[in-house]
PDB file of all heavy atoms in Angstrom:
ATOM      1  N   THR A   1      12.271  -5.661   9.039  1.00  0.00           N
ATOM      2  CA  THR A   1      11.065  -6.290   9.597  1.00  0.00           C
ATOM      3  C   THR A   1       9.817  -5.723   8.934  1.00  0.00           C
ATOM      4  O   THR A   1       8.890  -6.469   8.583  1.00  0.00           O
ATOM      5  CB  THR A   1      11.005  -6.064  11.123  1.00  0.00           C
ATOM      6  OG1 THR A   1      12.177  -6.616  11.732  1.00  0.00           O
ATOM      7  CG2 THR A   1       9.777  -6.722  11.726  1.00  0.00           C
ATOM      8  N   GLU A   2       9.782  -4.412   8.748  1.00  0.00           N
ATOM      9  CA  GLU A   2       8.649  -3.791   8.062  1.00  0.00           C
ATOM     10  C   GLU A   2       8.504  -4.329   6.636  1.00  0.00           C
ATOM     11  O   GLU A   2       7.386  -4.610   6.172  1.00  0.00           O
ATOM     12  CB  GLU A   2       8.832  -2.269   8.020  1.00  0.00           C
ATOM     13  CG  GLU A   2       8.681  -1.575   9.350  1.00  0.00           C
ATOM     14  CD  GLU A   2       7.255  -1.594   9.862  1.00  0.00           C
ATOM     15  OE1 GLU A   2       6.342  -1.144   9.141  1.00  0.00           O
ATOM     16  OE2 GLU A   2       7.053  -2.075  10.994  1.00  0.00           O
ATOM     17  N   ALA A   3       9.631  -4.477   5.944  1.00  0.00           N
ATOM     18  CA  ALA A   3       9.588  -4.967   4.567  1.00  0.00           C
ATOM     19  C   ALA A   3       9.065  -6.399   4.517  1.00  0.00           C
ATOM     20  O   ALA A   3       8.290  -6.763   3.619  1.00  0.00           O
ATOM     21  CB  ALA A   3      10.980  -4.884   3.942  1.00  0.00           C
ATOM     22  N   LEU A   4       9.476  -7.225   5.477  1.00  0.00           N
ATOM     23  CA  LEU A   4       8.994  -8.610   5.526  1.00  0.00           C
ATOM     24  C   LEU A   4       7.493  -8.663   5.817  1.00  0.00           C
ATOM     25  O   LEU A   4       6.747  -9.425   5.189  1.00  0.00           O
ATOM     26  CB  LEU A   4       9.769  -9.386   6.593  1.00  0.00           C
ATOM     27  CG  LEU A   4      11.256  -9.657   6.295  1.00  0.00           C
ATOM     28  CD1 LEU A   4      11.970 -10.162   7.549  1.00  0.00           C
ATOM     29  CD2 LEU A   4      11.411 -10.663   5.165  1.00  0.00           C
ATOM     30  N   LEU A   5       7.052  -7.852   6.784  1.00  0.00           N
ATOM     31  CA  LEU A   5       5.625  -7.825   7.121  1.00  0.00           C
ATOM     32  C   LEU A   5       4.788  -7.343   5.937  1.00  0.00           C
ATOM     33  O   LEU A   5       3.712  -7.885   5.648  1.00  0.00           O
ATOM     34  CB  LEU A   5       5.392  -6.917   8.337  1.00  0.00           C
ATOM     35  CG  LEU A   5       5.932  -7.414   9.678  1.00  0.00           C
ATOM     36  CD1 LEU A   5       5.823  -6.317  10.733  1.00  0.00           C
ATOM     37  CD2 LEU A   5       5.186  -8.660  10.142  1.00  0.00           C
ATOM     38  N   TYR A   6       5.291  -6.324   5.251  1.00  0.00           N
ATOM     39  CA  TYR A   6       4.559  -5.798   4.096  1.00  0.00           C
ATOM     40  C   TYR A   6       4.504  -6.828   2.971  1.00  0.00           C
ATOM     41  O   TYR A   6       3.447  -7.044   2.356  1.00  0.00           O
ATOM     42  CB  TYR A   6       5.226  -4.514   3.618  1.00  0.00           C
ATOM     43  CG  TYR A   6       4.629  -3.953   2.355  1.00  0.00           C
ATOM     44  CD1 TYR A   6       3.322  -3.481   2.326  1.00  0.00           C
ATOM     45  CD2 TYR A   6       5.386  -3.890   1.178  1.00  0.00           C
ATOM     46  CE1 TYR A   6       2.767  -2.967   1.162  1.00  0.00           C
ATOM     47  CE2 TYR A   6       4.845  -3.380   0.013  1.00  0.00           C
ATOM     48  CZ  TYR A   6       3.534  -2.922   0.013  1.00  0.00           C
ATOM     49  OH  TYR A   6       2.981  -2.426  -1.139  1.00  0.00           O
ATOM     50  N   ARG A   7       5.634  -7.471   2.700  1.00  0.00           N
ATOM     51  CA  ARG A   7       5.679  -8.465   1.630  1.00  0.00           C
ATOM     52  C   ARG A   7       4.751  -9.641   1.929  1.00  0.00           C
ATOM     53  O   ARG A   7       4.136 -10.218   1.023  1.00  0.00           O
ATOM     54  CB  ARG A   7       7.113  -8.967   1.459  1.00  0.00           C
ATOM     55  CG  ARG A   7       7.308  -9.939   0.315  1.00  0.00           C
ATOM     56  CD  ARG A   7       7.321  -9.227  -1.015  1.00  0.00           C
ATOM     57  NE  ARG A   7       7.344 -10.161  -2.123  1.00  0.00           N
ATOM     58  CZ  ARG A   7       7.536  -9.818  -3.385  1.00  0.00           C
ATOM     59  NH1 ARG A   7       7.725  -8.539  -3.690  1.00  0.00           N
ATOM     60  NH2 ARG A   7       7.520 -10.704  -4.343  1.00  0.00           N
ATOM     61  N   ALA A   8       4.611  -9.980   3.223  1.00  0.00           N
ATOM     62  CA  ALA A   8       3.758 -11.104   3.616  1.00  0.00           C
ATOM     63  C   ALA A   8       2.292 -10.709   3.706  1.00  0.00           C
ATOM     64  O   ALA A   8       1.438 -11.561   3.943  1.00  0.00           O
ATOM     65  CB  ALA A   8       4.222 -11.666   4.957  1.00  0.00           C
ATOM     66  N   GLY A   9       1.988  -9.413   3.560  1.00  0.00           N
ATOM     67  CA  GLY A   9       0.610  -8.965   3.661  1.00  0.00           C
ATOM     68  C   GLY A   9       0.125  -8.762   5.077  1.00  0.00           C
ATOM     69  O   GLY A   9      -1.078  -8.603   5.314  1.00  0.00           O
ATOM     70  N   ALA A  10       1.049  -8.737   6.046  1.00  0.00           N
ATOM     71  CA  ALA A  10       0.651  -8.553   7.444  1.00  0.00           C
ATOM     72  C   ALA A  10       0.347  -7.096   7.760  1.00  0.00           C
ATOM     73  O   ALA A  10      -0.347  -6.805   8.733  1.00  0.00           O
ATOM     74  CB  ALA A  10       1.752  -9.072   8.371  1.00  0.00           C
ATOM     75  N   ILE A  11       0.883  -6.159   6.963  1.00  0.00           N
ATOM     76  CA  ILE A  11       0.580  -4.739   7.127  1.00  0.00           C
ATOM     77  C   ILE A  11       0.262  -4.155   5.760  1.00  0.00           C
ATOM     78  O   ILE A  11       0.724  -4.658   4.720  1.00  0.00           O
ATOM     79  CB  ILE A  11       1.744  -3.958   7.791  1.00  0.00           C
ATOM     80  CG1 ILE A  11       3.046  -4.132   7.005  1.00  0.00           C
ATOM     81  CG2 ILE A  11       1.928  -4.395   9.228  1.00  0.00           C
ATOM     82  CD1 ILE A  11       4.211  -3.329   7.560  1.00  0.00           C
ATOM     83  N   GLY A  12      -0.512  -3.061   5.742  1.00  0.00           N
ATOM     84  CA  GLY A  12      -0.930  -2.464   4.483  1.00  0.00           C
ATOM     85  C   GLY A  12       0.160  -1.684   3.795  1.00  0.00           C
ATOM     86  O   GLY A  12       0.226  -1.640   2.563  1.00  0.00           O
ATOM     87  N   SER A  13       1.036  -1.051   4.581  1.00  0.00           N
ATOM     88  CA  SER A  13       2.153  -0.289   4.023  1.00  0.00           C
ATOM     89  C   SER A  13       3.279  -0.276   5.045  1.00  0.00           C
ATOM     90  O   SER A  13       3.023  -0.264   6.256  1.00  0.00           O
ATOM     91  CB  SER A  13       1.726   1.144   3.678  1.00  0.00           C
ATOM     92  OG  SER A  13       1.295   1.825   4.850  1.00  0.00           O
ATOM     93  N   PRO A  14       4.509  -0.282   4.573  1.00  0.00           N
ATOM     94  CA  PRO A  14       5.630  -0.314   5.528  1.00  0.00           C
ATOM     95  C   PRO A  14       5.822   1.034   6.210  1.00  0.00           C
ATOM     96  O   PRO A  14       5.752   2.091   5.568  1.00  0.00           O
ATOM     97  CB  PRO A  14       6.828  -0.665   4.642  1.00  0.00           C
ATOM     98  CG  PRO A  14       6.433  -0.223   3.267  1.00  0.00           C
ATOM     99  CD  PRO A  14       4.949  -0.381   3.173  1.00  0.00           C
ATOM    100  N   GLY A  15       6.053   1.016   7.512  1.00  0.00           N
ATOM    101  CA  GLY A  15       6.374   2.233   8.239  1.00  0.00           C
ATOM    102  C   GLY A  15       7.859   2.533   8.161  1.00  0.00           C
ATOM    103  O   GLY A  15       8.650   1.748   7.626  1.00  0.00           O
ATOM    104  N   THR A  16       8.260   3.659   8.700  1.00  0.00           N
ATOM    105  CA  THR A  16       9.678   4.028   8.733  1.00  0.00           C
ATOM    106  C   THR A  16      10.054   4.475  10.141  1.00  0.00           C
ATOM    107  O   THR A  16       9.220   4.985  10.896  1.00  0.00           O
ATOM    108  CB  THR A  16       9.996   5.180   7.753  1.00  0.00           C
ATOM    109  OG1 THR A  16       9.371   6.383   8.211  1.00  0.00           O
ATOM    110  CG2 THR A  16       9.511   4.858   6.351  1.00  0.00           C
ATOM    111  N   VAL A  17      11.326   4.286  10.456  1.00  0.00           N
ATOM    112  CA  VAL A  17      11.838   4.708  11.758  1.00  0.00           C
ATOM    113  C   VAL A  17      11.741   6.223  11.881  1.00  0.00           C
ATOM    114  O   VAL A  17      11.436   6.762  12.951  1.00  0.00           O
ATOM    115  CB  VAL A  17      13.292   4.222  11.934  1.00  0.00           C
ATOM    116  CG1 VAL A  17      13.891   4.804  13.215  1.00  0.00           C
ATOM    117  CG2 VAL A  17      13.357   2.700  11.953  1.00  0.00           C
ATOM    118  N   GLU A  18      11.985   6.926  10.773  1.00  0.00           N
ATOM    119  CA  GLU A  18      11.968   8.391  10.794  1.00  0.00           C
ATOM    120  C   GLU A  18      10.571   8.919  11.118  1.00  0.00           C
ATOM    121  O   GLU A  18      10.430   9.903  11.861  1.00  0.00           O
ATOM    122  CB  GLU A  18      12.445   8.946   9.455  1.00  0.00           C
ATOM    123  CG  GLU A  18      13.925   8.709   9.160  1.00  0.00           C
ATOM    124  CD  GLU A  18      14.221   7.259   8.791  1.00  0.00           C
ATOM    125  OE1 GLU A  18      13.271   6.515   8.397  1.00  0.00           O
ATOM    126  OE2 GLU A  18      15.387   6.857   8.914  1.00  0.00           O
ATOM    127  N   ARG A  19       9.544   8.286  10.572  1.00  0.00           N
ATOM    128  CA  ARG A  19       8.174   8.732  10.851  1.00  0.00           C
ATOM    129  C   ARG A  19       7.667   8.228  12.198  1.00  0.00           C
ATOM    130  O   ARG A  19       6.664   8.718  12.710  1.00  0.00           O
ATOM    131  CB  ARG A  19       7.228   8.239   9.751  1.00  0.00           C
ATOM    132  CG  ARG A  19       7.409   8.907   8.410  1.00  0.00           C
ATOM    133  CD  ARG A  19       6.179   8.698   7.526  1.00  0.00           C
ATOM    134  NE  ARG A  19       5.830   7.298   7.375  1.00  0.00           N
ATOM    135  CZ  ARG A  19       6.188   6.529   6.356  1.00  0.00           C
ATOM    136  NH1 ARG A  19       6.918   7.046   5.381  1.00  0.00           N
ATOM    137  NH2 ARG A  19       5.808   5.261   6.291  1.00  0.00           N
ATOM    138  N   GLY A  20       8.327   7.213  12.747  1.00  0.00           N
ATOM    139  CA  GLY A  20       7.910   6.668  14.032  1.00  0.00           C
ATOM    140  C   GLY A  20       6.656   5.831  13.953  1.00  0.00           C
ATOM    141  O   GLY A  20       5.907   5.751  14.938  1.00  0.00           O
ATOM    142  N   ASP A  21       6.412   5.174  12.792  1.00  0.00           N
ATOM    143  CA  ASP A  21       5.182   4.387  12.646  1.00  0.00           C
ATOM    144  C   ASP A  21       5.463   2.924  12.324  1.00  0.00           C
ATOM    145  O   ASP A  21       4.659   2.260  11.679  1.00  0.00           O
ATOM    146  CB  ASP A  21       4.284   5.003  11.567  1.00  0.00           C
ATOM    147  CG  ASP A  21       4.958   5.088  10.203  1.00  0.00           C
ATOM    148  OD1 ASP A  21       6.165   4.794  10.115  1.00  0.00           O
ATOM    149  OD2 ASP A  21       4.270   5.452   9.221  1.00  0.00           O
ATOM    150  N   THR A  22       6.612   2.395  12.769  1.00  0.00           N
ATOM    151  CA  THR A  22       6.901   0.978  12.544  1.00  0.00           C
ATOM    152  C   THR A  22       6.172   0.128  13.576  1.00  0.00           C
ATOM    153  O   THR A  22       5.799   0.599  14.659  1.00  0.00           O
ATOM    154  CB  THR A  22       8.412   0.695  12.632  1.00  0.00           C
ATOM    155  OG1 THR A  22       8.867   0.993  13.962  1.00  0.00           O
ATOM    156  CG2 THR A  22       9.183   1.535  11.630  1.00  0.00           C
ATOM    157  N   VAL A  23       5.985  -1.132  13.241  1.00  0.00           N
ATOM    158  CA  VAL A  23       5.299  -2.061  14.144  1.00  0.00           C
ATOM    159  C   VAL A  23       6.126  -2.299  15.404  1.00  0.00           C
ATOM    160  O   VAL A  23       5.589  -2.402  16.509  1.00  0.00           O
ATOM    161  CB  VAL A  23       5.000  -3.397  13.425  1.00  0.00           C
ATOM    162  CG1 VAL A  23       4.403  -4.412  14.396  1.00  0.00           C
ATOM    163  CG2 VAL A  23       4.058  -3.175  12.254  1.00  0.00           C
ATOM    164  N   CYS A  24       7.446  -2.367  15.246  1.00  0.00           N
ATOM    165  CA  CYS A  24       8.298  -2.781  16.377  1.00  0.00           C
ATOM    166  C   CYS A  24       8.723  -1.629  17.283  1.00  0.00           C
ATOM    167  O   CYS A  24       8.815  -1.808  18.500  1.00  0.00           O
ATOM    168  CB  CYS A  24       9.538  -3.504  15.842  1.00  0.00           C
ATOM    169  SG  CYS A  24       9.164  -5.083  15.058  1.00  0.00           S
ATOM    170  N   ASP A  25       9.000  -0.463  16.715  1.00  0.00           N
ATOM    171  CA  ASP A  25       9.429   0.673  17.543  1.00  0.00           C
ATOM    172  C   ASP A  25       8.209   1.506  17.927  1.00  0.00           C
ATOM    173  O   ASP A  25       8.006   2.630  17.462  1.00  0.00           O
ATOM    174  CB  ASP A  25      10.449   1.533  16.789  1.00  0.00           C
ATOM    175  CG  ASP A  25      11.796   0.859  16.675  1.00  0.00           C
ATOM    176  OD1 ASP A  25      11.955  -0.239  17.241  1.00  0.00           O
ATOM    177  OD2 ASP A  25      12.691   1.408  15.999  1.00  0.00           O
ATOM    178  N   PHE A  26       7.385   0.934  18.804  1.00  0.00           N
ATOM    179  CA  PHE A  26       6.135   1.588  19.182  1.00  0.00           C
ATOM    180  C   PHE A  26       6.243   2.391  20.470  1.00  0.00           C
ATOM    181  O   PHE A  26       5.382   3.204  20.783  1.00  0.00           O
ATOM    182  CB  PHE A  26       5.023   0.549  19.338  1.00  0.00           C
ATOM    183  CG  PHE A  26       5.371  -0.570  20.293  1.00  0.00           C
ATOM    184  CD1 PHE A  26       5.188  -0.445  21.652  1.00  0.00           C
ATOM    185  CD2 PHE A  26       5.900  -1.754  19.806  1.00  0.00           C
ATOM    186  CE1 PHE A  26       5.529  -1.466  22.528  1.00  0.00           C
ATOM    187  CE2 PHE A  26       6.231  -2.794  20.674  1.00  0.00           C
ATOM    188  CZ  PHE A  26       6.045  -2.652  22.039  1.00  0.00           C
ATOM    189  N   ASP A  27       7.288   2.165  21.243  1.00  0.00           N
ATOM    190  CA  ASP A  27       7.447   2.876  22.507  1.00  0.00           C
ATOM    191  C   ASP A  27       7.736   4.356  22.241  1.00  0.00           C
ATOM    192  O   ASP A  27       8.489   4.690  21.317  1.00  0.00           O
ATOM    193  CB  ASP A  27       8.596   2.250  23.308  1.00  0.00           C
ATOM    194  CG  ASP A  27       8.744   2.854  24.689  1.00  0.00           C
ATOM    195  OD1 ASP A  27       9.447   3.876  24.811  1.00  0.00           O
ATOM    196  OD2 ASP A  27       8.160   2.313  25.645  1.00  0.00           O
ATOM    197  N   PRO A  28       7.142   5.278  23.035  1.00  0.00           N
ATOM    198  CA  PRO A  28       7.398   6.712  22.815  1.00  0.00           C
ATOM    199  C   PRO A  28       8.874   7.070  22.839  1.00  0.00           C
ATOM    200  O   PRO A  28       9.321   7.927  22.065  1.00  0.00           O
ATOM    201  CB  PRO A  28       6.638   7.383  23.964  1.00  0.00           C
ATOM    202  CG  PRO A  28       5.542   6.420  24.316  1.00  0.00           C
ATOM    203  CD  PRO A  28       6.116   5.056  24.089  1.00  0.00           C
ATOM    204  N   LEU A  29       9.655   6.428  23.705  1.00  0.00           N
ATOM    205  CA  LEU A  29      11.081   6.729  23.757  1.00  0.00           C
ATOM    206  C   LEU A  29      11.796   6.239  22.504  1.00  0.00           C
ATOM    207  O   LEU A  29      12.753   6.866  22.039  1.00  0.00           O
ATOM    208  CB  LEU A  29      11.708   6.107  25.008  1.00  0.00           C
ATOM    209  CG  LEU A  29      11.345   6.771  26.335  1.00  0.00           C
ATOM    210  CD1 LEU A  29      11.952   6.014  27.507  1.00  0.00           C
ATOM    211  CD2 LEU A  29      11.808   8.222  26.358  1.00  0.00           C
ATOM    212  N   GLU A  30      11.349   5.107  21.954  1.00  0.00           N
ATOM    213  CA  GLU A  30      11.945   4.624  20.706  1.00  0.00           C
ATOM    214  C   GLU A  30      11.680   5.606  19.574  1.00  0.00           C
ATOM    215  O   GLU A  30      12.536   5.818  18.707  1.00  0.00           O
ATOM    216  CB  GLU A  30      11.402   3.240  20.368  1.00  0.00           C
ATOM    217  CG  GLU A  30      11.897   2.149  21.306  1.00  0.00           C
ATOM    218  CD  GLU A  30      11.319   0.778  20.998  1.00  0.00           C
ATOM    219  OE1 GLU A  30      10.096   0.703  20.749  1.00  0.00           O
ATOM    220  OE2 GLU A  30      12.078  -0.205  21.018  1.00  0.00           O
ATOM    221  N   LYS A  31      10.505   6.200  19.567  1.00  0.00           N
ATOM    222  CA  LYS A  31      10.193   7.201  18.544  1.00  0.00           C
ATOM    223  C   LYS A  31      11.037   8.459  18.738  1.00  0.00           C
ATOM    224  O   LYS A  31      11.475   9.080  17.761  1.00  0.00           O
ATOM    225  CB  LYS A  31       8.710   7.544  18.589  1.00  0.00           C
ATOM    226  CG  LYS A  31       7.803   6.364  18.241  1.00  0.00           C
ATOM    227  CD  LYS A  31       6.324   6.732  18.340  1.00  0.00           C
ATOM    228  CE  LYS A  31       5.440   5.530  18.033  1.00  0.00           C
ATOM    229  NZ  LYS A  31       3.996   5.863  18.084  1.00  0.00           N
ATOM    230  N   ASP A  32      11.291   8.821  19.999  1.00  0.00           N
ATOM    231  CA  ASP A  32      12.134   9.990  20.265  1.00  0.00           C
ATOM    232  C   ASP A  32      13.594   9.712  19.909  1.00  0.00           C
ATOM    233  O   ASP A  32      14.265  10.547  19.294  1.00  0.00           O
ATOM    234  CB  ASP A  32      12.034  10.385  21.740  1.00  0.00           C
ATOM    235  CG  ASP A  32      10.678  10.990  22.096  1.00  0.00           C
ATOM    236  OD1 ASP A  32       9.950  11.398  21.164  1.00  0.00           O
ATOM    237  OD2 ASP A  32      10.344  11.035  23.293  1.00  0.00           O
ATOM    238  N   TYR A  33      14.085   8.538  20.303  1.00  0.00           N
ATOM    239  CA  TYR A  33      15.488   8.185  20.068  1.00  0.00           C
ATOM    240  C   TYR A  33      15.739   7.814  18.605  1.00  0.00           C
ATOM    241  O   TYR A  33      16.869   7.838  18.131  1.00  0.00           O
ATOM    242  CB  TYR A  33      15.887   7.000  20.941  1.00  0.00           C
ATOM    243  CG  TYR A  33      16.122   7.300  22.398  1.00  0.00           C
ATOM    244  CD1 TYR A  33      15.356   8.235  23.094  1.00  0.00           C
ATOM    245  CD2 TYR A  33      17.099   6.618  23.107  1.00  0.00           C
ATOM    246  CE1 TYR A  33      15.566   8.477  24.435  1.00  0.00           C
ATOM    247  CE2 TYR A  33      17.317   6.849  24.447  1.00  0.00           C
ATOM    248  CZ  TYR A  33      16.547   7.786  25.113  1.00  0.00           C
ATOM    249  OH  TYR A  33      16.750   8.024  26.448  1.00  0.00           O
ATOM    250  N   ARG A  34      14.668   7.368  17.908  1.00  0.00           N
ATOM    251  CA  ARG A  34      14.746   6.904  16.523  1.00  0.00           C
ATOM    252  C   ARG A  34      15.633   5.667  16.371  1.00  0.00           C
ATOM    253  O   ARG A  34      16.363   5.514  15.392  1.00  0.00           O
ATOM    254  CB  ARG A  34      15.226   8.020  15.592  1.00  0.00           C
ATOM    255  CG  ARG A  34      14.209   9.146  15.456  1.00  0.00           C
ATOM    256  CD  ARG A  34      14.507  10.042  14.287  1.00  0.00           C
ATOM    257  NE  ARG A  34      13.444  11.013  14.095  1.00  0.00           N
ATOM    258  CZ  ARG A  34      13.376  11.863  13.097  1.00  0.00           C
ATOM    259  NH1 ARG A  34      14.324  11.874  12.172  1.00  0.00           N
ATOM    260  NH2 ARG A  34      12.361  12.716  12.975  1.00  0.00           N
ATOM    261  N   HIS A  35      15.558   4.794  17.338  1.00  0.00           N
ATOM    262  CA  HIS A  35      16.146   3.461  17.209  1.00  0.00           C
ATOM    263  C   HIS A  35      15.530   2.559  18.266  1.00  0.00           C
ATOM    264  O   HIS A  35      14.936   3.030  19.238  1.00  0.00           O
ATOM    265  CB  HIS A  35      17.673   3.480  17.312  1.00  0.00           C
ATOM    266  CG  HIS A  35      18.205   4.006  18.612  1.00  0.00           C
ATOM    267  ND1 HIS A  35      18.194   3.291  19.778  1.00  0.00           N
ATOM    268  CD2 HIS A  35      18.774   5.200  18.919  1.00  0.00           C
ATOM    269  CE1 HIS A  35      18.734   4.001  20.740  1.00  0.00           C
ATOM    270  NE2 HIS A  35      19.086   5.164  20.254  1.00  0.00           N
ATOM    271  N   SER A  36      15.664   1.264  18.064  1.00  0.00           N
ATOM    272  CA  SER A  36      15.045   0.288  18.970  1.00  0.00           C
ATOM    273  C   SER A  36      15.733   0.308  20.324  1.00  0.00           C
ATOM    274  O   SER A  36      16.960   0.455  20.428  1.00  0.00           O
ATOM    275  CB  SER A  36      15.121  -1.117  18.370  1.00  0.00           C
ATOM    276  OG  SER A  36      14.474  -1.168  17.115  1.00  0.00           O
ATOM    277  N   LEU A  37      14.941   0.135  21.370  1.00  0.00           N
ATOM    278  CA  LEU A  37      15.453   0.110  22.736  1.00  0.00           C
ATOM    279  C   LEU A  37      15.152  -1.206  23.434  1.00  0.00           C
ATOM    280  O   LEU A  37      15.712  -1.490  24.487  1.00  0.00           O
ATOM    281  CB  LEU A  37      14.843   1.264  23.545  1.00  0.00           C
ATOM    282  CG  LEU A  37      15.149   2.675  23.029  1.00  0.00           C
ATOM    283  CD1 LEU A  37      14.286   3.699  23.738  1.00  0.00           C
ATOM    284  CD2 LEU A  37      16.624   2.994  23.208  1.00  0.00           C
ATOM    285  N   SER A  38      14.247  -1.996  22.862  1.00  0.00           N
ATOM    286  CA  SER A  38      13.885  -3.272  23.453  1.00  0.00           C
ATOM    287  C   SER A  38      13.495  -4.221  22.330  1.00  0.00           C
ATOM    288  O   SER A  38      13.217  -3.800  21.198  1.00  0.00           O
ATOM    289  CB  SER A  38      12.717  -3.109  24.437  1.00  0.00           C
ATOM    290  OG  SER A  38      12.397  -4.344  25.058  1.00  0.00           O
ATOM    291  N   LEU A  39      13.527  -5.507  22.620  1.00  0.00           N
ATOM    292  CA  LEU A  39      13.120  -6.473  21.600  1.00  0.00           C
ATOM    293  C   LEU A  39      11.616  -6.377  21.362  1.00  0.00           C
ATOM    294  O   LEU A  39      10.846  -5.969  22.240  1.00  0.00           O
ATOM    295  CB  LEU A  39      13.528  -7.894  21.990  1.00  0.00           C
ATOM    296  CG  LEU A  39      12.936  -8.532  23.252  1.00  0.00           C
ATOM    297  CD1 LEU A  39      11.553  -9.116  23.010  1.00  0.00           C
ATOM    298  CD2 LEU A  39      13.869  -9.641  23.741  1.00  0.00           C
ATOM    299  N   ALA A  40      11.188  -6.728  20.156  1.00  0.00           N
ATOM    300  CA  ALA A  40       9.773  -6.710  19.784  1.00  0.00           C
ATOM    301  C   ALA A  40       9.468  -7.956  18.964  1.00  0.00           C
ATOM    302  O   ALA A  40      10.318  -8.435  18.209  1.00  0.00           O
ATOM    303  CB  ALA A  40       9.435  -5.445  18.997  1.00  0.00           C
ATOM    304  N   LEU A  41       8.250  -8.470  19.125  1.00  0.00           N
ATOM    305  CA  LEU A  41       7.840  -9.706  18.456  1.00  0.00           C
ATOM    306  C   LEU A  41       6.827  -9.399  17.358  1.00  0.00           C
ATOM    307  O   LEU A  41       5.931  -8.572  17.548  1.00  0.00           O
ATOM    308  CB  LEU A  41       7.208 -10.675  19.451  1.00  0.00           C
ATOM    309  CG  LEU A  41       8.129 -11.524  20.329  1.00  0.00           C
ATOM    310  CD1 LEU A  41       8.978 -10.655  21.240  1.00  0.00           C
ATOM    311  CD2 LEU A  41       7.321 -12.506  21.167  1.00  0.00           C
TER     312      LEU A  41
END
C-alpha cells in the first residue's frame, strides 16, 4: 500500500512497518505489534 501511494504521488516517501510510520498502521498498538490489527482506507 505504501509503494502504491508513493508511486501515485499521494505521499512524499514510503513508510515502513518497522519504523511505524505507514499510512495504514497508525494505531499505537499496531506500531507496538508491528502488524495490522484493523482495516484501513
